[in-house]
């Protein structure tokens, strides 16, 4: 039988960052996606950018999930109704603190 080709056990998951920015000049929300070169360093930089400009928010999801649910994820991020979606995580948000504020749900 032999080994199955194409399966790598310790492959690091690939991520996608969805950027949500409120464009004040045009009074509209702009959604963009970073799908290459998503590293810990980039994520830390985006968190710092959000601290300086709260109108920019960044969300992290797995690349394979984004390939399946991309349009849905973008719509959820645009409307900010992502409370029940465990596949999207907002960068720079303390999840434990947020759960306490929401009543521990």
PDB file of N, CA and C in Angstrom:
ATOM      1  N   UNK A   1       0.824  -1.194   0.000  1.00  0.00           N
ATOM      2  CA  UNK A   1       0.000   0.000   0.000  1.00  0.00           C
ATOM      3  C   UNK A   1       0.870   1.259   0.000  1.00  0.00           C
ATOM      4  N   UNK A   2       1.732   1.439   1.016  1.00  0.00           N
ATOM      5  CA  UNK A   2       2.626   2.591   1.051  1.00  0.00           C
ATOM      6  C   UNK A   2       1.999   3.809   1.688  1.00  0.00           C
ATOM      7  N   UNK A   3       2.745   4.894   1.628  1.00  0.00           N
ATOM      8  CA  UNK A   3       2.290   6.149   2.233  1.00  0.00           C
ATOM      9  C   UNK A   3       1.365   6.905   1.296  1.00  0.00           C
ATOM     10  N   UNK A   4       0.513   7.714   1.902  1.00  0.00           N
ATOM     11  CA  UNK A   4      -0.363   8.577   1.122  1.00  0.00           C
ATOM     12  C   UNK A   4       0.403   9.854   0.801  1.00  0.00           C
ATOM     13  N   UNK A   5       0.470  10.192  -0.477  1.00  0.00           N
ATOM     14  CA  UNK A   5       1.215  11.387  -0.878  1.00  0.00           C
ATOM     15  C   UNK A   5       0.378  12.637  -0.658  1.00  0.00           C
ATOM     16  N   UNK A   6       1.064  13.734  -0.438  1.00  0.00           N
ATOM     17  CA  UNK A   6       0.388  15.017  -0.312  1.00  0.00           C
ATOM     18  C   UNK A   6      -0.036  15.366   1.102  1.00  0.00           C
ATOM     19  N   UNK A   7       0.123  14.462   2.049  1.00  0.00           N
ATOM     20  CA  UNK A   7      -0.259  14.742   3.439  1.00  0.00           C
ATOM     21  C   UNK A   7       1.000  15.044   4.238  1.00  0.00           C
ATOM     22  N   UNK A   8       1.069  16.259   4.811  1.00  0.00           N
ATOM     23  CA  UNK A   8       2.180  16.628   5.688  1.00  0.00           C
ATOM     24  C   UNK A   8       1.605  16.854   7.065  1.00  0.00           C
ATOM     25  N   UNK A   9       2.166  16.169   8.050  1.00  0.00           N
ATOM     26  CA  UNK A   9       1.588  16.215   9.391  1.00  0.00           C
ATOM     27  C   UNK A   9       1.773  17.550  10.086  1.00  0.00           C
ATOM     28  N   UNK A  10       2.996  18.042  10.165  1.00  0.00           N
ATOM     29  CA  UNK A  10       3.269  19.232  10.970  1.00  0.00           C
ATOM     30  C   UNK A  10       3.262  20.513  10.155  1.00  0.00           C
ATOM     31  N   UNK A  11       2.427  20.582   9.144  1.00  0.00           N
ATOM     32  CA  UNK A  11       2.359  21.781   8.322  1.00  0.00           C
ATOM     33  C   UNK A  11       1.658  22.892   9.106  1.00  0.00           C
ATOM     34  N   UNK A  12       2.270  24.065   9.135  1.00  0.00           N
ATOM     35  CA  UNK A  12       1.702  25.209   9.850  1.00  0.00           C
ATOM     36  C   UNK A  12       0.468  25.717   9.088  1.00  0.00           C
ATOM     37  N   UNK A  13      -0.619  25.979   9.796  1.00  0.00           N
ATOM     38  CA  UNK A  13      -1.827  26.455   9.103  1.00  0.00           C
ATOM     39  C   UNK A  13      -1.601  27.837   8.490  1.00  0.00           C
ATOM     40  N   UNK A  14      -2.233  28.072   7.345  1.00  0.00           N
ATOM     41  CA  UNK A  14      -2.128  29.370   6.690  1.00  0.00           C
ATOM     42  C   UNK A  14      -3.323  30.217   7.083  1.00  0.00           C
ATOM     43  N   UNK A  15      -3.062  31.498   7.292  1.00  0.00           N
ATOM     44  CA  UNK A  15      -4.107  32.405   7.763  1.00  0.00           C
ATOM     45  C   UNK A  15      -4.403  33.496   6.743  1.00  0.00           C
ATOM     46  N   UNK A  16      -5.568  34.094   6.906  1.00  0.00           N
ATOM     47  CA  UNK A  16      -5.996  35.247   6.120  1.00  0.00           C
ATOM     48  C   UNK A  16      -6.413  36.323   7.121  1.00  0.00           C
ATOM     49  N   UNK A  17      -6.047  37.562   6.849  1.00  0.00           N
ATOM     50  CA  UNK A  17      -6.488  38.679   7.678  1.00  0.00           C
ATOM     51  C   UNK A  17      -7.506  39.490   6.881  1.00  0.00           C
ATOM     52  N   UNK A  18      -8.666  39.717   7.482  1.00  0.00           N
ATOM     53  CA  UNK A  18      -9.690  40.557   6.865  1.00  0.00           C
ATOM     54  C   UNK A  18      -9.623  41.918   7.548  1.00  0.00           C
ATOM     55  N   UNK A  19      -9.404  42.964   6.759  1.00  0.00           N
ATOM     56  CA  UNK A  19      -9.264  44.312   7.297  1.00  0.00           C
ATOM     57  C   UNK A  19     -10.582  45.063   7.111  1.00  0.00           C
ATOM     58  N   UNK A  20     -11.066  45.658   8.190  1.00  0.00           N
ATOM     59  CA  UNK A  20     -12.286  46.472   8.126  1.00  0.00           C
ATOM     60  C   UNK A  20     -11.898  47.886   8.517  1.00  0.00           C
ATOM     61  N   UNK A  21     -12.096  48.808   7.589  1.00  0.00           N
ATOM     62  CA  UNK A  21     -11.729  50.195   7.852  1.00  0.00           C
ATOM     63  C   UNK A  21     -12.916  51.099   7.555  1.00  0.00           C
ATOM     64  N   UNK A  22     -13.202  51.991   8.501  1.00  0.00           N
ATOM     65  CA  UNK A  22     -14.244  52.977   8.271  1.00  0.00           C
ATOM     66  C   UNK A  22     -13.607  54.187   7.621  1.00  0.00           C
ATOM     67  N   UNK A  23     -13.954  54.415   6.372  1.00  0.00           N
ATOM     68  CA  UNK A  23     -13.425  55.557   5.626  1.00  0.00           C
ATOM     69  C   UNK A  23     -14.261  56.782   5.993  1.00  0.00           C
ATOM     70  N   UNK A  24     -13.703  57.621   6.832  1.00  0.00           N
ATOM     71  CA  UNK A  24     -14.458  58.774   7.339  1.00  0.00           C
ATOM     72  C   UNK A  24     -14.783  59.776   6.243  1.00  0.00           C
ATOM     73  N   UNK A  25     -13.872  59.967   5.312  1.00  0.00           N
ATOM     74  CA  UNK A  25     -14.082  60.959   4.253  1.00  0.00           C
ATOM     75  C   UNK A  25     -15.296  60.595   3.387  1.00  0.00           C
ATOM     76  N   UNK A  26     -15.429  59.311   3.073  1.00  0.00           N
ATOM     77  CA  UNK A  26     -16.536  58.868   2.222  1.00  0.00           C
ATOM     78  C   UNK A  26     -17.684  58.265   3.028  1.00  0.00           C
ATOM     79  N   UNK A  27     -17.531  58.178   4.333  1.00  0.00           N
ATOM     80  CA  UNK A  27     -18.545  57.628   5.245  1.00  0.00           C
ATOM     81  C   UNK A  27     -19.003  56.245   4.804  1.00  0.00           C
ATOM     82  N   UNK A  28     -18.027  55.372   4.513  1.00  0.00           N
ATOM     83  CA  UNK A  28     -18.367  53.995   4.169  1.00  0.00           C
ATOM     84  C   UNK A  28     -17.327  53.032   4.708  1.00  0.00           C
ATOM     85  N   UNK A  29     -17.731  51.783   4.792  1.00  0.00           N
ATOM     86  CA  UNK A  29     -16.845  50.740   5.309  1.00  0.00           C
ATOM     87  C   UNK A  29     -16.133  50.081   4.134  1.00  0.00           C
ATOM     88  N   UNK A  30     -14.830  49.920   4.267  1.00  0.00           N
ATOM     89  CA  UNK A  30     -14.039  49.272   3.227  1.00  0.00           C
ATOM     90  C   UNK A  30     -13.459  47.985   3.795  1.00  0.00           C
ATOM     91  N   UNK A  31     -13.632  46.899   3.051  1.00  0.00           N
ATOM     92  CA  UNK A  31     -13.125  45.585   3.449  1.00  0.00           C
ATOM     93  C   UNK A  31     -12.015  45.182   2.490  1.00  0.00           C
ATOM     94  N   UNK A  32     -10.877  44.805   3.030  1.00  0.00           N
ATOM     95  CA  UNK A  32      -9.797  44.278   2.207  1.00  0.00           C
ATOM     96  C   UNK A  32      -9.243  43.027   2.874  1.00  0.00           C
ATOM     97  N   UNK A  33      -8.519  42.228   2.104  1.00  0.00           N
ATOM     98  CA  UNK A  33      -8.038  40.938   2.596  1.00  0.00           C
ATOM     99  C   UNK A  33      -6.543  40.807   2.356  1.00  0.00           C
ATOM    100  N   UNK A  34      -5.828  40.364   3.382  1.00  0.00           N
ATOM    101  CA  UNK A  34      -4.407  40.020   3.253  1.00  0.00           C
ATOM    102  C   UNK A  34      -4.332  38.503   3.290  1.00  0.00           C
ATOM    103  N   UNK A  35      -3.926  37.892   2.187  1.00  0.00           N
ATOM    104  CA  UNK A  35      -3.913  36.425   2.143  1.00  0.00           C
ATOM    105  C   UNK A  35      -2.524  35.848   1.914  1.00  0.00           C
ATOM    106  N   UNK A  36      -1.491  36.695   1.934  1.00  0.00           N
ATOM    107  CA  UNK A  36      -0.137  36.146   1.801  1.00  0.00           C
ATOM    108  C   UNK A  36       0.783  36.842   2.796  1.00  0.00           C
ATOM    109  N   UNK A  37       1.720  36.106   3.315  1.00  0.00           N
ATOM    110  CA  UNK A  37       2.685  36.663   4.251  1.00  0.00           C
ATOM    111  C   UNK A  37       2.103  37.031   5.599  1.00  0.00           C
ATOM    112  N   UNK A  38       1.075  36.285   6.050  1.00  0.00           N
ATOM    113  CA  UNK A  38       0.485  36.556   7.360  1.00  0.00           C
ATOM    114  C   UNK A  38       1.355  35.893   8.420  1.00  0.00           C
ATOM    115  N   UNK A  39       2.161  36.698   9.081  1.00  0.00           N
ATOM    116  CA  UNK A  39       3.096  36.197  10.099  1.00  0.00           C
ATOM    117  C   UNK A  39       2.733  36.791  11.457  1.00  0.00           C
ATOM    118  N   UNK A  40       3.342  36.263  12.495  1.00  0.00           N
ATOM    119  CA  UNK A  40       3.129  36.810  13.843  1.00  0.00           C
ATOM    120  C   UNK A  40       3.536  38.283  13.888  1.00  0.00           C
ATOM    121  N   UNK A  41       4.631  38.610  13.204  1.00  0.00           N
ATOM    122  CA  UNK A  41       5.106  39.997  13.177  1.00  0.00           C
ATOM    123  C   UNK A  41       4.061  40.916  12.540  1.00  0.00           C
ATOM    124  N   UNK A  42       3.478  40.476  11.419  1.00  0.00           N
ATOM    125  CA  UNK A  42       2.437  41.268  10.754  1.00  0.00           C
ATOM    126  C   UNK A  42       1.230  41.448  11.668  1.00  0.00           C
ATOM    127  N   UNK A  43       0.805  40.368  12.326  1.00  0.00           N
ATOM    128  CA  UNK A  43      -0.361  40.458  13.200  1.00  0.00           C
ATOM    129  C   UNK A  43      -0.103  41.426  14.358  1.00  0.00           C
ATOM    130  N   UNK A  44       1.087  41.378  14.928  1.00  0.00           N
ATOM    131  CA  UNK A  44       1.433  42.317  16.007  1.00  0.00           C
ATOM    132  C   UNK A  44       1.420  43.756  15.503  1.00  0.00           C
ATOM    133  N   UNK A  45       1.902  43.967  14.287  1.00  0.00           N
ATOM    134  CA  UNK A  45       1.893  45.314  13.693  1.00  0.00           C
ATOM    135  C   UNK A  45       0.466  45.800  13.474  1.00  0.00           C
ATOM    136  N   UNK A  46      -0.419  44.915  13.025  1.00  0.00           N
ATOM    137  CA  UNK A  46      -1.809  45.298  12.786  1.00  0.00           C
ATOM    138  C   UNK A  46      -2.514  45.648  14.099  1.00  0.00           C
ATOM    139  N   UNK A  47      -2.190  44.908  15.158  1.00  0.00           N
ATOM    140  CA  UNK A  47      -2.775  45.204  16.468  1.00  0.00           C
ATOM    141  C   UNK A  47      -2.339  46.606  16.914  1.00  0.00           C
ATOM    142  N   UNK A  48      -1.072  46.943  16.703  1.00  0.00           N
ATOM    143  CA  UNK A  48      -0.579  48.275  17.070  1.00  0.00           C
ATOM    144  C   UNK A  48      -1.262  49.353  16.233  1.00  0.00           C
ATOM    145  N   UNK A  49      -1.483  49.071  14.946  1.00  0.00           N
ATOM    146  CA  UNK A  49      -2.174  50.037  14.084  1.00  0.00           C
ATOM    147  C   UNK A  49      -3.597  50.266  14.574  1.00  0.00           C
ATOM    148  N   UNK A  50      -4.259  49.197  15.019  1.00  0.00           N
ATOM    149  CA  UNK A  50      -5.623  49.326  15.538  1.00  0.00           C
ATOM    150  C   UNK A  50      -5.639  50.181  16.807  1.00  0.00           C
ATOM    151  N   UNK A  51      -4.607  50.040  17.647  1.00  0.00           N
ATOM    152  CA  UNK A  51      -4.536  50.843  18.867  1.00  0.00           C
ATOM    153  C   UNK A  51      -4.422  52.332  18.535  1.00  0.00           C
ATOM    154  N   UNK A  52      -3.680  52.655  17.466  1.00  0.00           N
ATOM    155  CA  UNK A  52      -3.520  54.054  17.059  1.00  0.00           C
ATOM    156  C   UNK A  52      -4.757  54.586  16.347  1.00  0.00           C
ATOM    157  N   UNK A  53      -5.410  53.733  15.558  1.00  0.00           N
ATOM    158  CA  UNK A  53      -6.591  54.156  14.793  1.00  0.00           C
ATOM    159  C   UNK A  53      -7.696  53.125  14.963  1.00  0.00           C
ATOM    160  N   UNK A  54      -8.606  53.340  15.917  1.00  0.00           N
ATOM    161  CA  UNK A  54      -9.657  52.346  16.184  1.00  0.00           C
ATOM    162  C   UNK A  54     -10.649  52.162  15.035  1.00  0.00           C
ATOM    163  N   UNK A  55     -10.571  53.022  14.008  1.00  0.00           N
ATOM    164  CA  UNK A  55     -11.450  52.849  12.849  1.00  0.00           C
ATOM    165  C   UNK A  55     -10.992  51.686  11.978  1.00  0.00           C
ATOM    166  N   UNK A  56      -9.778  51.191  12.237  1.00  0.00           N
ATOM    167  CA  UNK A  56      -9.262  50.028  11.501  1.00  0.00           C
ATOM    168  C   UNK A  56      -9.335  48.825  12.421  1.00  0.00           C
ATOM    169  N   UNK A  57     -10.018  47.770  11.956  1.00  0.00           N
ATOM    170  CA  UNK A  57     -10.111  46.539  12.740  1.00  0.00           C
ATOM    171  C   UNK A  57      -9.673  45.375  11.865  1.00  0.00           C
ATOM    172  N   UNK A  58      -9.038  44.394  12.490  1.00  0.00           N
ATOM    173  CA  UNK A  58      -8.448  43.278  11.754  1.00  0.00           C
ATOM    174  C   UNK A  58      -8.939  41.963  12.332  1.00  0.00           C
ATOM    175  N   UNK A  59      -9.316  41.056  11.452  1.00  0.00           N
ATOM    176  CA  UNK A  59      -9.866  39.770  11.849  1.00  0.00           C
ATOM    177  C   UNK A  59      -9.049  38.660  11.211  1.00  0.00           C
ATOM    178  N   UNK A  60      -8.832  37.585  11.965  1.00  0.00           N
ATOM    179  CA  UNK A  60      -8.010  36.467  11.514  1.00  0.00           C
ATOM    180  C   UNK A  60      -8.874  35.236  11.319  1.00  0.00           C
ATOM    181  N   UNK A  61      -8.626  34.524  10.228  1.00  0.00           N
ATOM    182  CA  UNK A  61      -9.304  33.251   9.984  1.00  0.00           C
ATOM    183  C   UNK A  61      -8.367  32.339   9.199  1.00  0.00           C
ATOM    184  N   UNK A  62      -8.660  31.066   9.183  1.00  0.00           N
ATOM    185  CA  UNK A  62      -7.838  30.117   8.426  1.00  0.00           C
ATOM    186  C   UNK A  62      -8.068  30.306   6.934  1.00  0.00           C
ATOM    187  N   UNK A  63      -7.011  30.159   6.162  1.00  0.00           N
ATOM    188  CA  UNK A  63      -7.118  30.333   4.713  1.00  0.00           C
ATOM    189  C   UNK A  63      -8.099  29.334   4.102  1.00  0.00           C
ATOM    190  N   UNK A  64      -8.084  28.094   4.591  1.00  0.00           N
ATOM    191  CA  UNK A  64      -8.987  27.082   4.028  1.00  0.00           C
ATOM    192  C   UNK A  64     -10.445  27.417   4.329  1.00  0.00           C
ATOM    193  N   UNK A  65     -10.720  27.986   5.515  1.00  0.00           N
ATOM    194  CA  UNK A  65     -12.084  28.420   5.833  1.00  0.00           C
ATOM    195  C   UNK A  65     -12.482  29.604   4.963  1.00  0.00           C
ATOM    196  N   UNK A  66     -11.552  30.529   4.736  1.00  0.00           N
ATOM    197  CA  UNK A  66     -11.858  31.706   3.924  1.00  0.00           C
ATOM    198  C   UNK A  66     -12.173  31.305   2.486  1.00  0.00           C
ATOM    199  N   UNK A  67     -11.478  30.268   1.986  1.00  0.00           N
ATOM    200  CA  UNK A  67     -11.740  29.818   0.619  1.00  0.00           C
ATOM    201  C   UNK A  67     -13.163  29.276   0.488  1.00  0.00           C
ATOM    202  N   UNK A  68     -13.707  28.732   1.583  1.00  0.00           N
ATOM    203  CA  UNK A  68     -15.065  28.186   1.560  1.00  0.00           C
ATOM    204  C   UNK A  68     -16.106  29.251   1.895  1.00  0.00           C
ATOM    205  N   UNK A  69     -15.830  30.045   2.939  1.00  0.00           N
ATOM    206  CA  UNK A  69     -16.833  30.976   3.473  1.00  0.00           C
ATOM    207  C   UNK A  69     -16.482  32.445   3.231  1.00  0.00           C
ATOM    208  N   UNK A  70     -15.601  32.733   2.290  1.00  0.00           N
ATOM    209  CA  UNK A  70     -15.075  34.090   2.101  1.00  0.00           C
ATOM    210  C   UNK A  70     -16.114  35.185   2.037  1.00  0.00           C
ATOM    211  N   UNK A  71     -17.101  35.041   1.170  1.00  0.00           N
ATOM    212  CA  UNK A  71     -18.114  36.092   0.997  1.00  0.00           C
ATOM    213  C   UNK A  71     -18.905  36.288   2.289  1.00  0.00           C
ATOM    214  N   UNK A  72     -19.219  35.179   2.954  1.00  0.00           N
ATOM    215  CA  UNK A  72     -19.968  35.246   4.208  1.00  0.00           C
ATOM    216  C   UNK A  72     -19.152  35.949   5.287  1.00  0.00           C
ATOM    217  N   UNK A  73     -17.858  35.604   5.394  1.00  0.00           N
ATOM    218  CA  UNK A  73     -16.998  36.224   6.392  1.00  0.00           C
ATOM    219  C   UNK A  73     -16.902  37.726   6.164  1.00  0.00           C
ATOM    220  N   UNK A  74     -16.725  38.133   4.899  1.00  0.00           N
ATOM    221  CA  UNK A  74     -16.609  39.558   4.594  1.00  0.00           C
ATOM    222  C   UNK A  74     -17.890  40.293   4.974  1.00  0.00           C
ATOM    223  N   UNK A  75     -19.020  39.679   4.710  1.00  0.00           N
ATOM    224  CA  UNK A  75     -20.303  40.294   5.051  1.00  0.00           C
ATOM    225  C   UNK A  75     -20.450  40.420   6.570  1.00  0.00           C
ATOM    226  N   UNK A  76     -20.054  39.369   7.297  1.00  0.00           N
ATOM    227  CA  UNK A  76     -20.150  39.408   8.759  1.00  0.00           C
ATOM    228  C   UNK A  76     -19.242  40.481   9.343  1.00  0.00           C
ATOM    229  N   UNK A  77     -18.034  40.588   8.804  1.00  0.00           N
ATOM    230  CA  UNK A  77     -17.102  41.594   9.301  1.00  0.00           C
ATOM    231  C   UNK A  77     -17.635  42.990   8.990  1.00  0.00           C
ATOM    232  N   UNK A  78     -18.236  43.156   7.813  1.00  0.00           N
ATOM    233  CA  UNK A  78     -18.764  44.468   7.426  1.00  0.00           C
ATOM    234  C   UNK A  78     -19.880  44.905   8.372  1.00  0.00           C
ATOM    235  N   UNK A  79     -20.746  43.972   8.740  1.00  0.00           N
ATOM    236  CA  UNK A  79     -21.873  44.312   9.604  1.00  0.00           C
ATOM    237  C   UNK A  79     -21.543  44.116  11.082  1.00  0.00           C
ATOM    238  N   UNK A  80     -20.353  43.532  11.367  1.00  0.00           N
ATOM    239  CA  UNK A  80     -19.878  43.284  12.724  1.00  0.00           C
ATOM    240  C   UNK A  80     -20.764  42.317  13.505  1.00  0.00           C
ATOM    241  N   UNK A  81     -21.529  41.496  12.827  1.00  0.00           N
ATOM    242  CA  UNK A  81     -22.375  40.523  13.533  1.00  0.00           C
ATOM    243  C   UNK A  81     -21.681  39.165  13.539  1.00  0.00           C
ATOM    244  N   UNK A  82     -20.578  39.078  14.282  1.00  0.00           N
ATOM    245  CA  UNK A  82     -19.789  37.843  14.261  1.00  0.00           C
ATOM    246  C   UNK A  82     -19.733  37.195  15.633  1.00  0.00           C
ATOM    247  N   UNK A  83     -20.712  37.452  16.468  1.00  0.00           N
ATOM    248  CA  UNK A  83     -20.677  36.943  17.837  1.00  0.00           C
ATOM    249  C   UNK A  83     -20.608  35.430  17.903  1.00  0.00           C
ATOM    250  N   UNK A  84     -21.316  34.736  17.023  1.00  0.00           N
ATOM    251  CA  UNK A  84     -21.385  33.278  17.102  1.00  0.00           C
ATOM    252  C   UNK A  84     -20.431  32.563  16.155  1.00  0.00           C
ATOM    253  N   UNK A  85     -19.596  33.290  15.453  1.00  0.00           N
ATOM    254  CA  UNK A  85     -18.693  32.654  14.507  1.00  0.00           C
ATOM    255  C   UNK A  85     -17.337  32.437  15.157  1.00  0.00           C
ATOM    256  N   UNK A  86     -17.053  31.198  15.507  1.00  0.00           N
ATOM    257  CA  UNK A  86     -15.798  30.857  16.190  1.00  0.00           C
ATOM    258  C   UNK A  86     -14.628  30.774  15.211  1.00  0.00           C
ATOM    259  N   UNK A  87     -14.901  30.884  13.913  1.00  0.00           N
ATOM    260  CA  UNK A  87     -13.834  30.760  12.924  1.00  0.00           C
ATOM    261  C   UNK A  87     -13.153  32.085  12.621  1.00  0.00           C
ATOM    262  N   UNK A  88     -13.727  33.176  13.122  1.00  0.00           N
ATOM    263  CA  UNK A  88     -13.126  34.499  12.926  1.00  0.00           C
ATOM    264  C   UNK A  88     -12.736  35.044  14.295  1.00  0.00           C
ATOM    265  N   UNK A  89     -11.503  35.535  14.412  1.00  0.00           N
ATOM    266  CA  UNK A  89     -11.020  36.111  15.673  1.00  0.00           C
ATOM    267  C   UNK A  89     -10.564  37.530  15.378  1.00  0.00           C
ATOM    268  N   UNK A  90     -10.998  38.475  16.195  1.00  0.00           N
ATOM    269  CA  UNK A  90     -10.543  39.851  16.012  1.00  0.00           C
ATOM    270  C   UNK A  90      -9.183  40.023  16.665  1.00  0.00           C
ATOM    271  N   UNK A  91      -8.246  40.570  15.920  1.00  0.00           N
ATOM    272  CA  UNK A  91      -6.905  40.804  16.444  1.00  0.00           C
ATOM    273  C   UNK A  91      -6.937  41.956  17.440  1.00  0.00           C
ATOM    274  N   UNK A  92      -6.198  41.808  18.520  1.00  0.00           N
ATOM    275  CA  UNK A  92      -6.072  42.882  19.494  1.00  0.00           C
ATOM    276  C   UNK A  92      -7.193  42.934  20.500  1.00  0.00           C
ATOM    277  N   UNK A  93      -8.061  41.938  20.518  1.00  0.00           N
ATOM    278  CA  UNK A  93      -9.167  41.924  21.471  1.00  0.00           C
ATOM    279  C   UNK A  93      -8.876  40.869  22.524  1.00  0.00           C
ATOM    280  N   UNK A  94      -8.974  41.242  23.789  1.00  0.00           N
ATOM    281  CA  UNK A  94      -8.787  40.298  24.883  1.00  0.00           C
ATOM    282  C   UNK A  94     -10.067  39.482  25.021  1.00  0.00           C
ATOM    283  N   UNK A  95     -10.045  38.233  24.565  1.00  0.00           N
ATOM    284  CA  UNK A  95     -11.266  37.430  24.501  1.00  0.00           C
ATOM    285  C   UNK A  95     -11.842  37.151  25.885  1.00  0.00           C
ATOM    286  N   UNK A  96     -10.994  36.927  26.887  1.00  0.00           N
ATOM    287  CA  UNK A  96     -11.494  36.662  28.240  1.00  0.00           C
ATOM    288  C   UNK A  96     -12.213  37.890  28.796  1.00  0.00           C
ATOM    289  N   UNK A  97     -11.643  39.073  28.560  1.00  0.00           N
ATOM    290  CA  UNK A  97     -12.253  40.311  29.030  1.00  0.00           C
ATOM    291  C   UNK A  97     -13.590  40.539  28.312  1.00  0.00           C
ATOM    292  N   UNK A  98     -13.619  40.254  27.013  1.00  0.00           N
ATOM    293  CA  UNK A  98     -14.834  40.445  26.230  1.00  0.00           C
ATOM    294  C   UNK A  98     -15.957  39.502  26.704  1.00  0.00           C
ATOM    295  N   UNK A  99     -15.603  38.269  27.059  1.00  0.00           N
ATOM    296  CA  UNK A  99     -16.598  37.324  27.545  1.00  0.00           C
ATOM    297  C   UNK A  99     -17.189  37.794  28.871  1.00  0.00           C
ATOM    298  N   UNK A 100     -16.350  38.353  29.743  1.00  0.00           N
ATOM    299  CA  UNK A 100     -16.849  38.872  31.022  1.00  0.00           C
ATOM    300  C   UNK A 100     -17.827  40.015  30.810  1.00  0.00           C
ATOM    301  N   UNK A 101     -17.534  40.882  29.834  1.00  0.00           N
ATOM    302  CA  UNK A 101     -18.402  42.017  29.546  1.00  0.00           C
ATOM    303  C   UNK A 101     -19.741  41.557  28.964  1.00  0.00           C
ATOM    304  N   UNK A 102     -19.703  40.449  28.219  1.00  0.00           N
ATOM    305  CA  UNK A 102     -20.925  39.934  27.595  1.00  0.00           C
ATOM    306  C   UNK A 102     -21.685  38.989  28.520  1.00  0.00           C
ATOM    307  N   UNK A 103     -21.310  38.921  29.765  1.00  0.00           N
ATOM    308  CA  UNK A 103     -22.033  38.069  30.709  1.00  0.00           C
ATOM    309  C   UNK A 103     -21.564  36.625  30.725  1.00  0.00           C
ATOM    310  N   UNK A 104     -20.354  36.367  30.247  1.00  0.00           N
ATOM    311  CA  UNK A 104     -19.790  35.020  30.304  1.00  0.00           C
ATOM    312  C   UNK A 104     -20.397  34.036  29.333  1.00  0.00           C
ATOM    313  N   UNK A 105     -20.915  34.527  28.205  1.00  0.00           N
ATOM    314  CA  UNK A 105     -21.504  33.611  27.220  1.00  0.00           C
ATOM    315  C   UNK A 105     -20.462  33.063  26.299  1.00  0.00           C
TER     316      UNK A 105
END
